[in-house]
Amino acid sequence: MKKKSVIIEIKFSKSAHPLVTIKVEDFHVIELQSFSYIANQSLDISLMPNDLSNAHDFSKKNKGILIQRDKNHVKIMNDPFCTIPLYYFKSKKKVIITTEPYYFSASNESDIDQAGLWETILFGSCLWNRTLFKGLYQFPSACELIVTEERLSLARYWDFNVEEDSSLKNEKNLVEALDSKLTDIFTSLPEKNYLMGISGGLDSRLSAAYLHKTNKAHLVKTFTYCSTKQSLDYQLAKKVCHHYGLQEPSLHILDESSYRSQLAFLPKYTNGQIGIQHSHICSVLEQSYKKSSDTQISNYFSDALFGFDCSGDKNVSMSSDSLTRILNSTDGLSVEVRCDIKADISEIFSSFNPDANYSSLDEYKYVTERNQKFHMNLAFQQSRFMDTCLPYVNSDLLEFMMTVPLHLRKHKKVLDLLFESGAIANFKMADISSRHFIAGNEFANQGINSLIQKFDFKLQNALSALTAKVTQGRMIYPNKYHTESHVNMLHRFSSELSVSCSKLYEAGVFSTDQRDLFNKVPVKSHGVSERFQIISLNQELINLNISR
């Protein structure tokens, strides 16, 4: 595993300017008189900004960490994607900014932040700048942290609000512009060996199509993972590779070891925010490509760009977001914890402009908060095992896509237009792919075939649930619609779940009812993710030897 880390220490003294010490491993650093820049890739020094008026724009357009030193303060800016996830805290007379959240416990006593813990259980990550521990904070996207001797001040320097571009209502204009941008991005990929995870979904298909179009397909090895060989995703992935001239994907069967191998890793390096149910690519890279010098092509952030969470119709009334709905439907939270979570939700939407080109508060959250805390953090953790490039993490492409009219961005319709236009070689799936599962519409077409598929889908899922329940997860039903068998795996972690619920009860986090509720493996997938989060949170507490 790469020793990939950033540690920035800021110390103030009365007789001198702030002292900034930068320690990095596996990063590039440019040092100027008043600026430092940390990035995954080398950067032309001539591109560095000359003054603060350009610093925000520079941070917005580039992927890395910009540090500006002044007489009485230091400013740290991250990019809109959080490509390098950062945490910050005070330690004695220092302020420390780092990629390593566990570094906090070496310098401070770690008290559980109950609001952060509940946010992770309910939402899959802490909100805004909160973390699992009091005194430890994280950078949201496109933020600037101002550090003075007296205080720390965090705010967004860019609000992500973009107006609709009416010229893109013309589908021909939209397709031509998008095709040009994606062609340029994939053309600019260096000529070297790549590895890419692939499925039958739209995002994999899009990358495969542009690798084919830009004559890069021969450089790419592919892999896919699933719980059984019967997985439809695996069958479709093979068809996609064959159509676009990529090598057939190597198959990695997900078993208990795939989850268990990352139990000490993901909780530690993400402060418990990413559960082991999301560890598959890390597991594949660690177990099968440990000695590879390839670079992973990650398709992360494409969901946010192309409208996965865009409803098409505008509904931006405050408190209509899913975070608030989940919070309001959760019983047993103290008044203090509930107020803290509400405050964090308000911070997420404090910069939101209802007139901006978003269909809902949830879409804004998905673009500005959720993808950064989940997909981008995962990509960073994967880069500890293999160098990773992110073609869809591009500020110009982000701003462009946010100007596309909502009805054309709705549930990735823009990608359908792109494929159907002939700009890239189209591959029409005869069977279902992950495209059909958006917004709960498993099968979009009408007619007898669709009805048969709907019945088959429900039957297969029922048989999967029954098999998992009867065998306590020991047998996995070969359901072609499942890529992952999370219910089965949770059964195999039932002892860890029981211990985790008991520990959180002893810590005063769970009530008796909550302990008993979460200490049950659901029959179906609903509620499984929360329980894996609980296991991962408890593992993080164990990793850091927290005294309860």
Protein backbone atom coordinates (compact mmCIF):
# COMPACT_ATOMS: atom_id res chain seq x y z
CA MET A 1 0.00 0.00 0.00
CA LYS A 2 1.28 3.46 -0.87
CA LYS A 3 2.22 5.76 2.03
CA LYS A 4 -0.01 8.44 0.58
CA SER A 5 -0.40 11.27 3.05
CA VAL A 6 -0.44 15.02 3.62
CA ILE A 7 0.31 16.63 6.98
CA ILE A 8 0.29 20.43 7.20
CA GLU A 9 1.25 21.98 10.54
CA ILE A 10 0.65 25.66 11.26
CA LYS A 11 2.20 27.30 14.30
CA PHE A 12 2.01 30.94 15.39
CA SER A 13 4.57 32.94 17.31
CA LYS A 14 4.41 36.56 18.40
CA SER A 15 7.72 37.51 16.81
CA ALA A 16 7.26 35.99 13.32
CA HIS A 17 4.82 35.12 10.57
CA PRO A 18 2.90 31.84 10.86
CA LEU A 19 5.21 28.89 10.45
CA VAL A 20 3.85 26.37 7.92
CA THR A 21 5.40 22.91 7.74
CA ILE A 22 4.33 20.58 4.92
CA LYS A 23 5.04 16.86 4.95
CA VAL A 24 3.83 14.72 2.06
CA GLU A 25 4.29 11.19 0.75
CA ASP A 26 3.35 10.27 -2.84
CA PHE A 27 2.26 13.83 -3.70
CA HIS A 28 3.77 16.66 -5.73
CA VAL A 29 4.46 19.98 -4.01
CA ILE A 30 5.19 23.37 -5.57
CA GLU A 31 6.64 25.96 -3.19
CA LEU A 32 6.51 29.69 -3.96
CA GLN A 33 7.13 32.72 -1.76
CA SER A 34 3.56 33.02 -0.49
CA PHE A 35 1.87 29.95 -1.99
CA SER A 36 2.26 26.20 -1.83
CA TYR A 37 0.33 23.73 -3.94
CA ILE A 38 -0.11 20.00 -3.30
CA ALA A 39 -1.41 17.73 -6.07
CA ASN A 40 -1.48 14.12 -7.19
CA GLN A 41 0.22 15.05 -10.45
CA SER A 42 3.09 17.38 -11.35
CA LEU A 43 2.04 20.89 -12.34
CA ASP A 44 3.67 23.63 -14.41
CA ILE A 45 4.87 26.26 -11.95
CA SER A 46 3.92 29.01 -14.41
CA LEU A 47 0.27 28.11 -13.87
CA MET A 48 0.33 29.08 -10.21
CA PRO A 49 -1.71 32.18 -9.26
CA ASN A 50 0.10 35.45 -8.55
CA ASP A 51 -2.33 36.84 -6.01
CA LEU A 52 -5.31 35.87 -3.87
CA SER A 53 -7.84 37.24 -6.35
CA ASN A 54 -6.91 34.34 -8.63
CA ALA A 55 -6.48 31.75 -5.88
CA HIS A 56 -10.15 30.79 -5.64
CA ASP A 57 -10.46 30.40 -9.39
CA PHE A 58 -7.26 28.36 -9.46
CA SER A 59 -8.52 26.03 -6.69
CA LYS A 60 -11.82 25.64 -8.49
CA LYS A 61 -10.19 24.62 -11.78
CA ASN A 62 -7.39 22.40 -10.45
CA LYS A 63 -7.32 19.25 -8.34
CA GLY A 64 -5.32 19.69 -5.17
CA ILE A 65 -4.67 21.79 -2.06
CA LEU A 66 -3.65 25.45 -2.27
CA ILE A 67 -1.95 27.03 0.77
CA GLN A 68 -1.57 30.80 0.99
CA ARG A 69 0.62 32.33 3.69
CA ASP A 70 0.19 35.90 4.89
CA LYS A 71 1.48 37.99 7.79
CA ASN A 72 -1.25 37.07 10.28
CA HIS A 73 -3.05 34.12 8.77
CA VAL A 74 -2.86 31.05 6.55
CA LYS A 75 -5.52 30.00 4.03
CA ILE A 76 -6.01 26.43 2.86
CA MET A 77 -8.27 25.78 -0.15
CA ASN A 78 -9.38 22.45 -1.54
CA ASP A 79 -11.00 21.75 -4.91
CA PRO A 80 -14.74 21.31 -5.63
CA PHE A 81 -14.36 17.53 -5.79
CA CYS A 82 -12.37 16.97 -2.56
CA THR A 83 -9.94 14.88 -4.60
CA ILE A 84 -7.66 14.96 -1.56
CA PRO A 85 -9.93 14.50 1.51
CA LEU A 86 -8.76 16.72 4.36
CA TYR A 87 -9.31 16.80 8.12
CA TYR A 88 -8.24 19.54 10.51
CA PHE A 89 -7.88 20.00 14.25
CA LYS A 90 -6.01 21.94 16.91
CA SER A 91 -3.26 20.25 18.86
CA LYS A 92 -1.63 22.26 21.63
CA LYS A 93 -0.24 25.34 19.88
CA LYS A 94 -0.58 23.93 16.38
CA VAL A 95 -3.28 23.59 13.76
CA ILE A 96 -2.98 20.39 11.76
CA ILE A 97 -4.54 19.70 8.36
CA THR A 98 -4.13 16.14 7.13
CA THR A 99 -5.43 13.33 4.93
CA GLU A 100 -5.01 10.92 7.86
CA PRO A 101 -7.93 11.25 10.31
CA TYR A 102 -6.39 8.71 12.71
CA TYR A 103 -3.53 11.19 13.25
CA PHE A 104 -5.96 13.13 15.44
CA SER A 105 -5.96 10.50 18.20
CA ALA A 106 -2.18 10.69 18.55
CA SER A 107 -2.44 14.30 19.70
CA ASN A 108 -5.85 14.54 21.35
CA GLU A 109 -8.29 12.67 23.53
CA SER A 110 -11.04 11.43 21.23
CA ASP A 111 -14.59 11.93 22.48
CA ILE A 112 -17.40 10.61 20.31
CA ASP A 113 -19.48 13.27 18.56
CA GLN A 114 -22.93 11.69 18.76
CA ALA A 115 -24.33 13.86 15.97
CA GLY A 116 -21.48 12.76 13.69
CA LEU A 117 -22.00 9.14 14.61
CA TRP A 118 -25.73 9.31 13.88
CA GLU A 119 -25.13 11.18 10.63
CA THR A 120 -22.86 8.36 9.49
CA ILE A 121 -25.44 5.72 10.38
CA LEU A 122 -28.37 7.56 8.81
CA PHE A 123 -26.73 9.19 5.77
CA GLY A 124 -23.57 7.18 5.09
CA SER A 125 -21.20 10.00 6.09
CA CYS A 126 -20.96 12.98 8.42
CA LEU A 127 -22.45 16.21 7.09
CA TRP A 128 -20.65 19.46 6.32
CA ASN A 129 -17.45 19.61 8.44
CA ARG A 130 -18.49 17.28 11.26
CA THR A 131 -16.72 13.95 11.94
CA LEU A 132 -17.05 11.04 14.34
CA PHE A 133 -15.02 12.86 17.02
CA LYS A 134 -15.34 16.17 18.80
CA GLY A 135 -12.53 18.50 17.85
CA LEU A 136 -11.82 16.77 14.53
CA TYR A 137 -13.33 18.41 11.43
CA GLN A 138 -13.33 17.73 7.71
CA PHE A 139 -13.25 19.92 4.61
CA PRO A 140 -16.46 20.07 2.61
CA SER A 141 -16.10 20.75 -1.12
CA ALA A 142 -14.74 24.02 -2.55
CA CYS A 143 -13.90 25.39 0.88
CA GLU A 144 -11.38 27.80 2.34
CA LEU A 145 -10.09 27.40 5.87
CA ILE A 146 -8.65 30.61 7.32
CA VAL A 147 -6.29 29.93 10.22
CA THR A 148 -5.32 32.72 12.61
CA GLU A 149 -3.78 32.56 16.05
CA GLU A 150 -7.20 33.15 17.60
CA ARG A 151 -9.55 31.04 15.49
CA LEU A 152 -10.39 28.81 12.54
CA SER A 153 -12.92 29.99 9.97
CA LEU A 154 -14.37 27.74 7.25
CA ALA A 155 -16.50 28.86 4.28
CA ARG A 156 -17.19 27.95 0.68
CA TYR A 157 -15.39 30.05 -1.93
CA TRP A 158 -17.67 28.67 -4.70
CA ASP A 159 -21.35 27.86 -4.27
CA PHE A 160 -21.85 25.56 -7.31
CA ASN A 161 -24.81 27.68 -8.45
CA VAL A 162 -24.99 27.79 -12.26
CA GLU A 163 -27.71 29.12 -14.55
CA GLU A 164 -29.33 27.12 -17.33
CA ASP A 165 -27.83 27.57 -20.79
CA SER A 166 -30.84 27.97 -23.06
CA SER A 167 -28.78 27.20 -26.17
CA LEU A 168 -28.42 23.63 -24.91
CA LYS A 169 -32.17 23.05 -25.28
CA ASN A 170 -31.17 22.28 -28.85
CA GLU A 171 -30.21 18.62 -28.49
CA LYS A 172 -27.80 18.82 -31.42
CA ASN A 173 -25.86 21.64 -29.72
CA LEU A 174 -25.80 19.75 -26.45
CA VAL A 175 -24.54 16.50 -27.97
CA GLU A 176 -21.86 18.23 -30.04
CA ALA A 177 -20.55 20.21 -27.07
CA LEU A 178 -20.55 17.25 -24.69
CA ASP A 179 -18.95 14.93 -27.23
CA SER A 180 -16.19 17.49 -27.84
CA LYS A 181 -15.42 17.81 -24.12
CA LEU A 182 -15.38 14.05 -23.49
CA THR A 183 -13.28 13.39 -26.59
CA ASP A 184 -10.72 15.94 -25.41
CA ILE A 185 -10.62 14.41 -21.91
CA PHE A 186 -10.06 10.84 -23.11
CA THR A 187 -7.65 11.92 -25.84
CA SER A 188 -5.50 13.61 -23.19
CA LEU A 189 -5.05 10.37 -21.22
CA PRO A 190 -1.35 9.46 -21.40
CA GLU A 191 -0.32 6.42 -23.42
CA LYS A 192 0.22 3.85 -20.68
CA ASN A 193 -1.40 0.73 -19.27
CA TYR A 194 -4.74 1.11 -17.51
CA LEU A 195 -7.12 -0.96 -15.43
CA MET A 196 -10.83 -0.17 -15.29
CA GLY A 197 -13.73 -1.70 -13.41
CA ILE A 198 -16.63 -2.32 -15.76
CA SER A 199 -20.28 -3.32 -15.59
CA GLY A 200 -23.26 -3.09 -17.89
CA GLY A 201 -24.18 0.37 -16.63
CA LEU A 202 -24.20 3.63 -18.54
CA ASP A 203 -21.04 5.06 -16.97
CA SER A 204 -18.87 2.04 -17.82
CA ARG A 205 -20.34 1.94 -21.29
CA LEU A 206 -19.59 5.63 -21.80
CA SER A 207 -15.95 5.27 -20.78
CA ALA A 208 -15.56 2.16 -22.95
CA ALA A 209 -17.04 4.03 -25.91
CA TYR A 210 -14.64 6.98 -25.55
CA LEU A 211 -11.63 4.75 -24.98
CA HIS A 212 -12.60 3.08 -28.25
CA LYS A 213 -13.17 6.39 -30.02
CA THR A 214 -9.82 7.84 -28.93
CA ASN A 215 -7.90 4.65 -29.77
CA LYS A 216 -7.04 3.85 -26.14
CA ALA A 217 -9.02 0.61 -25.76
CA HIS A 218 -5.97 -1.58 -26.41
CA LEU A 219 -4.26 -0.04 -23.35
CA VAL A 220 -7.00 -1.05 -20.93
CA LYS A 221 -7.47 -4.21 -18.89
CA THR A 222 -10.84 -4.56 -17.20
CA PHE A 223 -12.29 -6.27 -14.17
CA THR A 224 -15.71 -6.78 -12.69
CA TYR A 225 -16.96 -8.17 -9.42
CA CYS A 226 -20.15 -9.92 -8.39
CA SER A 227 -21.42 -12.41 -5.83
CA THR A 228 -22.14 -15.17 -8.38
CA LYS A 229 -21.12 -15.86 -11.98
CA GLN A 230 -24.79 -15.63 -12.94
CA SER A 231 -24.78 -11.88 -12.31
CA LEU A 232 -26.29 -9.94 -15.21
CA ASP A 233 -23.73 -7.21 -14.64
CA TYR A 234 -20.93 -9.65 -15.46
CA GLN A 235 -22.66 -10.86 -18.63
CA LEU A 236 -23.28 -7.31 -19.79
CA ALA A 237 -19.73 -6.25 -18.90
CA LYS A 238 -18.36 -8.94 -21.23
CA LYS A 239 -20.63 -7.71 -24.04
CA VAL A 240 -19.55 -4.11 -23.50
CA CYS A 241 -15.86 -5.04 -23.62
CA HIS A 242 -16.32 -7.11 -26.77
CA HIS A 243 -18.24 -4.33 -28.52
CA TYR A 244 -15.69 -1.63 -27.73
CA GLY A 245 -12.51 -3.65 -28.22
CA LEU A 246 -11.45 -3.99 -24.58
CA GLN A 247 -10.07 -7.14 -23.02
CA GLU A 248 -12.70 -9.37 -21.45
CA PRO A 249 -13.02 -8.48 -17.77
CA SER A 250 -11.38 -10.62 -15.13
CA LEU A 251 -14.04 -11.82 -12.70
CA HIS A 252 -13.71 -11.36 -8.94
CA ILE A 253 -16.26 -13.20 -6.83
CA LEU A 254 -17.25 -11.27 -3.73
CA ASP A 255 -17.08 -13.41 -0.63
CA GLU A 256 -16.68 -12.82 3.07
CA SER A 257 -12.94 -12.19 2.71
CA SER A 258 -13.66 -9.31 0.30
CA TYR A 259 -15.45 -7.50 3.10
CA ARG A 260 -13.36 -8.70 6.00
CA SER A 261 -10.03 -7.82 4.36
CA GLN A 262 -10.93 -4.13 4.50
CA LEU A 263 -12.36 -4.06 8.02
CA ALA A 264 -9.21 -2.54 9.51
CA PHE A 265 -8.56 -0.32 6.48
CA LEU A 266 -11.63 1.67 5.39
CA PRO A 267 -12.85 2.61 8.89
CA LYS A 268 -9.35 3.80 9.86
CA TYR A 269 -8.66 5.87 6.76
CA THR A 270 -12.14 7.39 6.42
CA ASN A 271 -12.84 8.03 10.12
CA GLY A 272 -15.52 5.32 10.02
CA GLN A 273 -17.52 7.15 7.37
CA ILE A 274 -17.26 4.57 4.57
CA GLY A 275 -18.51 1.16 5.57
CA ILE A 276 -17.00 -2.14 4.51
CA GLN A 277 -20.01 -2.81 2.26
CA HIS A 278 -18.27 -0.40 -0.15
CA SER A 279 -14.85 -2.02 -0.01
CA HIS A 280 -15.01 -4.16 -3.15
CA ILE A 281 -12.67 -2.25 -5.46
CA CYS A 282 -10.17 -1.72 -2.63
CA SER A 283 -10.31 -5.46 -2.00
CA VAL A 284 -9.84 -6.31 -5.69
CA LEU A 285 -6.90 -3.92 -6.06
CA GLU A 286 -5.21 -5.13 -2.90
CA GLN A 287 -5.69 -8.85 -3.51
CA SER A 288 -5.24 -9.12 -7.29
CA TYR A 289 -3.24 -6.12 -8.51
CA LYS A 290 -0.81 -5.59 -5.65
CA LYS A 291 2.26 -5.67 -7.90
CA SER A 292 0.71 -3.99 -10.93
CA SER A 293 2.12 -0.73 -12.29
CA ASP A 294 -1.12 0.04 -14.14
CA THR A 295 -3.23 3.15 -13.49
CA GLN A 296 -6.84 2.68 -12.54
CA ILE A 297 -9.43 4.59 -14.56
CA SER A 298 -12.24 5.41 -12.15
CA ASN A 299 -15.69 6.41 -13.41
CA TYR A 300 -16.58 8.13 -10.15
CA PHE A 301 -18.42 11.46 -10.20
CA SER A 302 -20.09 10.65 -13.53
CA ASP A 303 -23.36 9.99 -11.68
CA ALA A 304 -23.34 13.53 -10.30
CA LEU A 305 -22.44 15.07 -13.65
CA PHE A 306 -24.97 13.38 -15.85
CA GLY A 307 -28.06 13.62 -13.67
CA PHE A 308 -28.52 10.44 -11.65
CA ASP A 309 -30.37 12.44 -9.00
CA CYS A 310 -31.98 14.95 -11.37
CA SER A 311 -35.78 14.58 -11.29
CA GLY A 312 -36.34 16.81 -14.32
CA ASP A 313 -38.99 18.88 -12.55
CA LYS A 314 -38.01 21.73 -10.24
CA ASN A 315 -38.88 21.33 -6.55
CA VAL A 316 -36.50 23.29 -4.37
CA SER A 317 -38.64 24.13 -1.34
CA MET A 318 -36.56 24.12 1.81
CA SER A 319 -36.91 21.10 4.13
CA SER A 320 -38.00 18.98 1.15
CA ASP A 321 -34.65 17.20 1.08
CA SER A 322 -34.14 13.54 1.95
CA LEU A 323 -31.73 14.36 4.80
CA THR A 324 -34.46 16.24 6.65
CA ARG A 325 -37.04 13.56 5.88
CA ILE A 326 -34.78 10.80 7.25
CA LEU A 327 -33.98 12.85 10.35
CA ASN A 328 -37.66 13.57 11.01
CA SER A 329 -38.53 9.88 10.69
CA THR A 330 -35.83 8.75 13.14
CA ASP A 331 -36.94 8.26 16.72
CA GLY A 332 -34.87 8.19 19.87
CA LEU A 333 -32.45 11.04 19.14
CA SER A 334 -31.77 13.56 21.88
CA VAL A 335 -32.85 17.15 21.32
CA GLU A 336 -29.18 18.22 21.22
CA VAL A 337 -28.20 15.65 18.58
CA ARG A 338 -31.25 16.44 16.47
CA CYS A 339 -30.45 20.18 16.60
CA ASP A 340 -26.81 19.56 15.66
CA ILE A 341 -27.82 17.48 12.64
CA LYS A 342 -30.37 20.10 11.55
CA ALA A 343 -27.64 22.75 11.76
CA ASP A 344 -25.35 20.66 9.55
CA ILE A 345 -28.12 20.17 6.99
CA SER A 346 -28.66 23.92 6.96
CA GLU A 347 -24.92 24.47 6.33
CA ILE A 348 -25.02 22.18 3.27
CA PHE A 349 -27.79 24.24 1.73
CA SER A 350 -26.73 27.68 3.01
CA SER A 351 -25.10 28.56 -0.32
CA PHE A 352 -27.88 27.09 -2.44
CA ASN A 353 -29.67 29.47 -4.82
CA PRO A 354 -33.21 28.27 -5.65
CA ASP A 355 -32.89 29.92 -9.07
CA ALA A 356 -29.83 27.85 -9.96
CA ASN A 357 -30.19 24.99 -12.43
CA TYR A 358 -30.90 22.18 -9.96
CA SER A 359 -34.08 20.15 -9.87
CA SER A 360 -34.08 19.74 -6.09
CA LEU A 361 -32.15 20.18 -2.89
CA ASP A 362 -31.27 16.50 -3.13
CA GLU A 363 -29.61 16.99 -6.51
CA TYR A 364 -27.60 19.91 -5.13
CA LYS A 365 -26.56 17.74 -2.18
CA TYR A 366 -25.63 14.88 -4.51
CA VAL A 367 -23.39 17.13 -6.62
CA THR A 368 -21.78 19.14 -3.81
CA GLU A 369 -21.74 16.88 -0.74
CA ARG A 370 -22.56 13.20 -1.16
CA ASN A 371 -20.26 12.36 -4.07
CA GLN A 372 -17.31 14.10 -2.42
CA LYS A 373 -17.81 12.31 0.92
CA PHE A 374 -18.47 8.93 -0.70
CA HIS A 375 -17.21 8.37 -4.26
CA MET A 376 -14.30 10.77 -4.17
CA ASN A 377 -13.16 9.59 -0.74
CA LEU A 378 -13.34 6.01 -2.02
CA ALA A 379 -11.28 6.94 -5.09
CA PHE A 380 -8.63 8.44 -2.82
CA GLN A 381 -8.51 5.31 -0.67
CA GLN A 382 -8.22 3.16 -3.82
CA SER A 383 -5.30 5.32 -4.94
CA ARG A 384 -3.40 4.02 -1.89
CA PHE A 385 -3.32 0.66 -3.72
CA MET A 386 -2.99 1.85 -7.33
CA ASP A 387 -2.51 5.21 -9.07
CA THR A 388 -5.98 6.38 -10.05
CA CYS A 389 -7.13 8.84 -12.71
CA LEU A 390 -10.61 10.35 -12.73
CA PRO A 391 -11.63 11.52 -16.23
CA TYR A 392 -15.00 12.84 -15.06
CA VAL A 393 -13.50 14.96 -12.29
CA ASN A 394 -13.19 18.06 -14.41
CA SER A 395 -14.40 21.51 -13.35
CA ASP A 396 -15.14 22.64 -16.90
CA LEU A 397 -17.24 19.54 -17.51
CA LEU A 398 -18.99 20.01 -14.16
CA GLU A 399 -19.99 23.61 -14.87
CA PHE A 400 -21.09 22.69 -18.38
CA MET A 401 -23.30 19.81 -17.23
CA MET A 402 -24.92 21.93 -14.52
CA THR A 403 -26.12 24.34 -17.26
CA VAL A 404 -27.91 21.58 -19.22
CA PRO A 405 -31.72 22.00 -19.05
CA LEU A 406 -33.21 19.77 -16.38
CA HIS A 407 -35.46 17.76 -18.67
CA LEU A 408 -32.43 16.72 -20.72
CA ARG A 409 -30.36 15.85 -17.65
CA LYS A 410 -33.18 13.90 -16.01
CA HIS A 411 -31.96 10.47 -14.85
CA LYS A 412 -29.04 10.57 -17.31
CA LYS A 413 -31.16 11.19 -20.40
CA VAL A 414 -28.26 13.20 -21.79
CA LEU A 415 -26.23 9.98 -22.14
CA ASP A 416 -29.04 8.34 -24.07
CA LEU A 417 -28.96 11.31 -26.46
CA LEU A 418 -25.20 11.02 -26.77
CA PHE A 419 -25.30 7.33 -27.68
CA GLU A 420 -28.27 7.69 -30.01
CA SER A 421 -26.65 10.59 -31.88
CA GLY A 422 -23.94 8.39 -33.39
CA ALA A 423 -21.19 10.54 -31.87
CA ILE A 424 -19.90 7.34 -30.27
CA ALA A 425 -20.48 3.74 -31.24
CA ASN A 426 -23.83 2.78 -29.76
CA PHE A 427 -24.39 -0.47 -27.97
CA LYS A 428 -28.07 -1.02 -27.26
CA MET A 429 -28.58 -3.36 -24.39
CA ALA A 430 -31.18 -5.98 -25.17
CA ASP A 431 -31.41 -6.82 -21.49
CA ILE A 432 -31.65 -4.60 -18.42
CA SER A 433 -28.68 -2.72 -17.02
CA SER A 434 -28.20 -0.49 -14.02
CA ARG A 435 -29.76 2.31 -16.08
CA HIS A 436 -33.19 0.85 -15.37
CA PHE A 437 -32.87 0.98 -11.62
CA ILE A 438 -32.76 4.80 -11.46
CA ALA A 439 -35.57 6.28 -9.34
CA GLY A 440 -36.96 2.81 -8.65
CA ASN A 441 -38.09 2.24 -12.23
CA GLU A 442 -36.69 -1.26 -12.62
CA PHE A 443 -38.11 -1.72 -16.11
CA ALA A 444 -38.85 1.36 -18.13
CA ASN A 445 -40.57 -0.23 -21.13
CA GLN A 446 -44.20 -1.26 -21.36
CA GLY A 447 -45.66 -4.45 -22.79
CA ILE A 448 -45.75 -8.15 -22.01
CA ASN A 449 -41.94 -8.59 -21.96
CA SER A 450 -41.60 -5.86 -19.40
CA LEU A 451 -44.31 -7.44 -17.24
CA ILE A 452 -42.54 -10.80 -17.41
CA GLN A 453 -39.23 -9.16 -16.42
CA LYS A 454 -40.89 -7.34 -13.53
CA PHE A 455 -42.32 -10.61 -12.22
CA ASP A 456 -39.00 -12.39 -12.67
CA PHE A 457 -37.19 -9.56 -10.89
CA LYS A 458 -39.49 -9.76 -7.86
CA LEU A 459 -39.37 -13.56 -7.80
CA GLN A 460 -35.57 -13.69 -7.95
CA ASN A 461 -35.27 -11.14 -5.14
CA ALA A 462 -37.74 -13.06 -2.99
CA LEU A 463 -35.78 -16.28 -3.50
CA SER A 464 -32.55 -14.44 -2.63
CA ALA A 465 -34.03 -13.14 0.62
CA LEU A 466 -35.45 -16.56 1.54
CA THR A 467 -32.15 -18.34 0.86
CA ALA A 468 -30.20 -15.82 2.95
CA LYS A 469 -32.68 -16.11 5.82
CA VAL A 470 -32.93 -19.92 5.87
CA THR A 471 -29.18 -20.54 5.55
CA GLN A 472 -28.14 -17.57 7.72
CA GLY A 473 -26.19 -16.20 4.78
CA ARG A 474 -24.17 -19.35 4.13
CA MET A 475 -25.72 -19.90 0.70
CA ILE A 476 -26.14 -17.22 -1.97
CA TYR A 477 -28.98 -17.63 -4.41
CA PRO A 478 -27.66 -17.08 -7.99
CA ASN A 479 -29.77 -13.99 -8.61
CA LYS A 480 -28.80 -12.45 -11.93
CA TYR A 481 -30.11 -9.06 -10.81
CA HIS A 482 -27.71 -8.89 -7.83
CA THR A 483 -24.12 -7.74 -8.09
CA GLU A 484 -23.62 -7.80 -4.33
CA SER A 485 -25.32 -10.05 -1.76
CA HIS A 486 -25.18 -7.69 1.18
CA VAL A 487 -27.83 -9.48 3.25
CA ASN A 488 -25.85 -12.73 3.06
CA MET A 489 -22.65 -10.97 4.07
CA LEU A 490 -24.31 -9.19 6.97
CA HIS A 491 -25.36 -12.57 8.36
CA ARG A 492 -21.67 -13.51 8.40
CA PHE A 493 -20.91 -10.37 10.41
CA SER A 494 -23.77 -10.91 12.87
CA SER A 495 -21.40 -11.35 15.84
CA GLU A 496 -19.61 -8.07 14.97
CA LEU A 497 -23.00 -6.39 14.64
CA SER A 498 -24.07 -7.63 18.06
CA VAL A 499 -20.84 -6.42 19.69
CA SER A 500 -21.09 -3.04 17.93
CA CYS A 501 -24.68 -2.46 19.06
CA SER A 502 -23.79 -3.41 22.63
CA LYS A 503 -20.78 -1.08 22.67
CA LEU A 504 -22.81 1.84 21.33
CA TYR A 505 -25.48 1.11 23.92
CA GLU A 506 -22.85 1.11 26.69
CA ALA A 507 -21.51 4.42 25.35
CA GLY A 508 -24.98 5.96 25.68
CA VAL A 509 -25.38 6.38 21.93
CA PHE A 510 -28.12 3.76 21.50
CA SER A 511 -31.23 3.36 23.59
CA THR A 512 -32.36 -0.16 24.47
CA ASP A 513 -34.86 -0.07 21.60
CA GLN A 514 -32.24 1.14 19.12
CA ARG A 515 -29.75 -1.50 20.23
CA ASP A 516 -32.36 -4.23 19.79
CA LEU A 517 -33.57 -2.81 16.47
CA PHE A 518 -30.17 -2.58 14.82
CA ASN A 519 -29.01 -5.92 16.21
CA LYS A 520 -31.16 -7.78 13.69
CA VAL A 521 -30.27 -8.76 10.14
CA PRO A 522 -33.08 -7.53 7.84
CA VAL A 523 -34.80 -9.99 5.55
CA LYS A 524 -34.39 -7.67 2.57
CA SER A 525 -31.75 -5.10 1.69
CA HIS A 526 -33.46 -2.16 3.38
CA GLY A 527 -31.50 -1.31 6.52
CA VAL A 528 -28.46 -3.43 5.66
CA SER A 529 -26.23 -0.46 4.80
CA GLU A 530 -26.91 1.19 8.17
CA ARG A 531 -25.86 -1.97 9.99
CA PHE A 532 -22.62 -2.24 8.04
CA GLN A 533 -21.99 1.41 8.95
CA ILE A 534 -22.46 0.52 12.62
CA ILE A 535 -19.94 -2.33 12.35
CA SER A 536 -17.47 -0.02 10.60
CA LEU A 537 -17.97 2.76 13.14
CA ASN A 538 -17.29 0.39 16.00
CA GLN A 539 -14.18 -0.86 14.20
CA GLU A 540 -12.94 2.73 13.96
CA LEU A 541 -13.45 3.15 17.69
CA ILE A 542 -11.48 -0.07 18.26
CA ASN A 543 -8.73 1.08 15.87
CA LEU A 544 -8.25 4.26 17.84
CA ASN A 545 -8.53 2.59 21.27
CA ILE A 546 -11.27 4.96 22.31
CA SER A 547 -12.20 4.72 25.98
CA ARG A 548 -15.94 4.73 26.43
